[in-house]
Amino acid sequence: MSEEPKKSDTMNWEEHLKAGMEGLKEEMRESFESRDTLNSVRKHGRAAMKEVLLAWRSLIDGAIEHIDEAEKGGSHKRVTKIKIE
């Protein structure tokens, strides 16, 4: 006589993970449906993009200044070699 295996009262790892993901999806769905949340995400996204563009502007301005100095015959930085023993 073989007995049927008893089903455990606890969830296994995969069931626990699946239940957790379903709960997380539901919470995210509820929070993202809020107009305030979407507006906040958009606001932060625009601010982040502005910071990226300002960083690029700074790099471009520096490159332009370097080219302008070279065209004017400005001081070229000379490299000094130092022998290290």
C-alpha atoms as a PDB file:
ATOM      1  CA  MET A   1       0.000   0.000   0.000  1.00  0.00           C
ATOM      2  CA  SER A   2       1.494   3.276  -1.039  1.00  0.00           C
ATOM      3  CA  GLU A   3       0.354   6.394   0.654  1.00  0.00           C
ATOM      4  CA  GLU A   4      -0.194   9.578  -1.279  1.00  0.00           C
ATOM      5  CA  PRO A   5       2.306  12.290  -0.336  1.00  0.00           C
ATOM      6  CA  LYS A   6       0.833  14.858   1.997  1.00  0.00           C
ATOM      7  CA  LYS A   7       0.566  18.336   0.610  1.00  0.00           C
ATOM      8  CA  SER A   8       2.446  20.695   2.864  1.00  0.00           C
ATOM      9  CA  ASP A   9       0.613  23.554   4.510  1.00  0.00           C
ATOM     10  CA  THR A  10       3.469  25.852   3.558  1.00  0.00           C
ATOM     11  CA  MET A  11       4.289  27.154   0.104  1.00  0.00           C
ATOM     12  CA  ASN A  12       7.419  26.083  -1.694  1.00  0.00           C
ATOM     13  CA  TRP A  13       9.894  28.680  -2.914  1.00  0.00           C
ATOM     14  CA  GLU A  14       8.387  29.021  -6.392  1.00  0.00           C
ATOM     15  CA  GLU A  15       4.849  29.458  -5.068  1.00  0.00           C
ATOM     16  CA  HIS A  16       6.036  32.003  -2.541  1.00  0.00           C
ATOM     17  CA  LEU A  17       7.926  33.962  -5.218  1.00  0.00           C
ATOM     18  CA  LYS A  18       4.939  33.857  -7.584  1.00  0.00           C
ATOM     19  CA  ALA A  19       2.572  35.117  -4.878  1.00  0.00           C
ATOM     20  CA  GLY A  20       4.993  37.900  -3.978  1.00  0.00           C
ATOM     21  CA  MET A  21       5.336  39.019  -7.589  1.00  0.00           C
ATOM     22  CA  GLU A  22       1.558  39.063  -8.041  1.00  0.00           C
ATOM     23  CA  GLY A  23       1.195  41.219  -4.926  1.00  0.00           C
ATOM     24  CA  LEU A  24       3.945  43.570  -6.120  1.00  0.00           C
ATOM     25  CA  LYS A  25       2.331  43.900  -9.550  1.00  0.00           C
ATOM     26  CA  GLU A  26      -1.006  44.780  -7.957  1.00  0.00           C
ATOM     27  CA  GLU A  27       0.568  47.424  -5.704  1.00  0.00           C
ATOM     28  CA  MET A  28       2.500  48.946  -8.611  1.00  0.00           C
ATOM     29  CA  ARG A  29      -0.614  48.963 -10.788  1.00  0.00           C
ATOM     30  CA  GLU A  30      -2.552  50.823  -8.106  1.00  0.00           C
ATOM     31  CA  SER A  31       0.209  53.365  -7.486  1.00  0.00           C
ATOM     32  CA  PHE A  32       0.931  54.012 -11.168  1.00  0.00           C
ATOM     33  CA  GLU A  33      -2.735  54.568 -11.906  1.00  0.00           C
ATOM     34  CA  SER A  34      -2.550  57.600  -9.649  1.00  0.00           C
ATOM     35  CA  ARG A  35      -2.210  60.799 -11.685  1.00  0.00           C
ATOM     36  CA  ASP A  36       0.012  62.321  -8.984  1.00  0.00           C
ATOM     37  CA  THR A  37       2.462  59.446  -9.342  1.00  0.00           C
ATOM     38  CA  LEU A  38       2.602  59.798 -13.125  1.00  0.00           C
ATOM     39  CA  ASN A  39       3.105  63.556 -12.871  1.00  0.00           C
ATOM     40  CA  SER A  40       5.881  63.025 -10.341  1.00  0.00           C
ATOM     41  CA  VAL A  41       7.614  60.504 -12.618  1.00  0.00           C
ATOM     42  CA  ARG A  42       7.397  62.908 -15.555  1.00  0.00           C
ATOM     43  CA  LYS A  43       8.708  65.787 -13.457  1.00  0.00           C
ATOM     44  CA  HIS A  44      11.729  63.812 -12.258  1.00  0.00           C
ATOM     45  CA  GLY A  45      12.351  62.492 -15.773  1.00  0.00           C
ATOM     46  CA  ARG A  46      12.452  66.017 -17.201  1.00  0.00           C
ATOM     47  CA  ALA A  47      14.762  67.191 -14.404  1.00  0.00           C
ATOM     48  CA  ALA A  48      17.115  64.247 -15.041  1.00  0.00           C
ATOM     49  CA  MET A  49      17.172  64.953 -18.779  1.00  0.00           C
ATOM     50  CA  LYS A  50      17.914  68.622 -18.103  1.00  0.00           C
ATOM     51  CA  GLU A  51      20.911  67.633 -15.938  1.00  0.00           C
ATOM     52  CA  VAL A  52      22.222  65.355 -18.688  1.00  0.00           C
ATOM     53  CA  LEU A  53      21.904  68.123 -21.272  1.00  0.00           C
ATOM     54  CA  LEU A  54      23.640  70.619 -18.967  1.00  0.00           C
ATOM     55  CA  ALA A  55      26.508  68.169 -18.499  1.00  0.00           C
ATOM     56  CA  TRP A  56      26.861  67.792 -22.277  1.00  0.00           C
ATOM     57  CA  ARG A  57      26.710  71.588 -22.675  1.00  0.00           C
ATOM     58  CA  SER A  58      29.571  71.930 -20.204  1.00  0.00           C
ATOM     59  CA  LEU A  59      31.702  69.425 -22.123  1.00  0.00           C
ATOM     60  CA  ILE A  60      30.956  71.104 -25.456  1.00  0.00           C
ATOM     61  CA  ASP A  61      31.697  74.584 -24.077  1.00  0.00           C
ATOM     62  CA  GLY A  62      35.038  73.349 -22.758  1.00  0.00           C
ATOM     63  CA  ALA A  63      35.938  71.829 -26.128  1.00  0.00           C
ATOM     64  CA  ILE A  64      35.007  75.072 -27.924  1.00  0.00           C
ATOM     65  CA  GLU A  65      37.161  77.115 -25.538  1.00  0.00           C
ATOM     66  CA  HIS A  66      40.083  74.756 -26.130  1.00  0.00           C
ATOM     67  CA  ILE A  67      39.723  75.138 -29.919  1.00  0.00           C
ATOM     68  CA  ASP A  68      39.415  78.947 -29.635  1.00  0.00           C
ATOM     69  CA  GLU A  69      42.606  79.155 -27.553  1.00  0.00           C
ATOM     70  CA  ALA A  70      44.476  76.992 -30.057  1.00  0.00           C
ATOM     71  CA  GLU A  71      43.301  79.182 -32.982  1.00  0.00           C
ATOM     72  CA  LYS A  72      44.375  82.384 -31.189  1.00  0.00           C
ATOM     73  CA  GLY A  73      47.815  80.947 -30.614  1.00  0.00           C
ATOM     74  CA  GLY A  74      47.157  80.775 -26.931  1.00  0.00           C
ATOM     75  CA  SER A  75      49.512  79.085 -24.601  1.00  0.00           C
ATOM     76  CA  HIS A  76      49.974  75.452 -25.398  1.00  0.00           C
ATOM     77  CA  LYS A  77      50.540  73.329 -22.410  1.00  0.00           C
ATOM     78  CA  ARG A  78      53.893  71.670 -22.662  1.00  0.00           C
ATOM     79  CA  VAL A  79      54.461  68.299 -21.172  1.00  0.00           C
ATOM     80  CA  THR A  80      57.430  67.846 -18.904  1.00  0.00           C
ATOM     81  CA  LYS A  81      58.814  64.358 -18.727  1.00  0.00           C
ATOM     82  CA  ILE A  82      59.999  63.307 -15.335  1.00  0.00           C
ATOM     83  CA  LYS A  83      62.252  60.295 -15.084  1.00  0.00           C
ATOM     84  CA  ILE A  84      61.253  58.012 -12.256  1.00  0.00           C
ATOM     85  CA  GLU A  85      63.795  55.556 -10.968  1.00  0.00           C
END
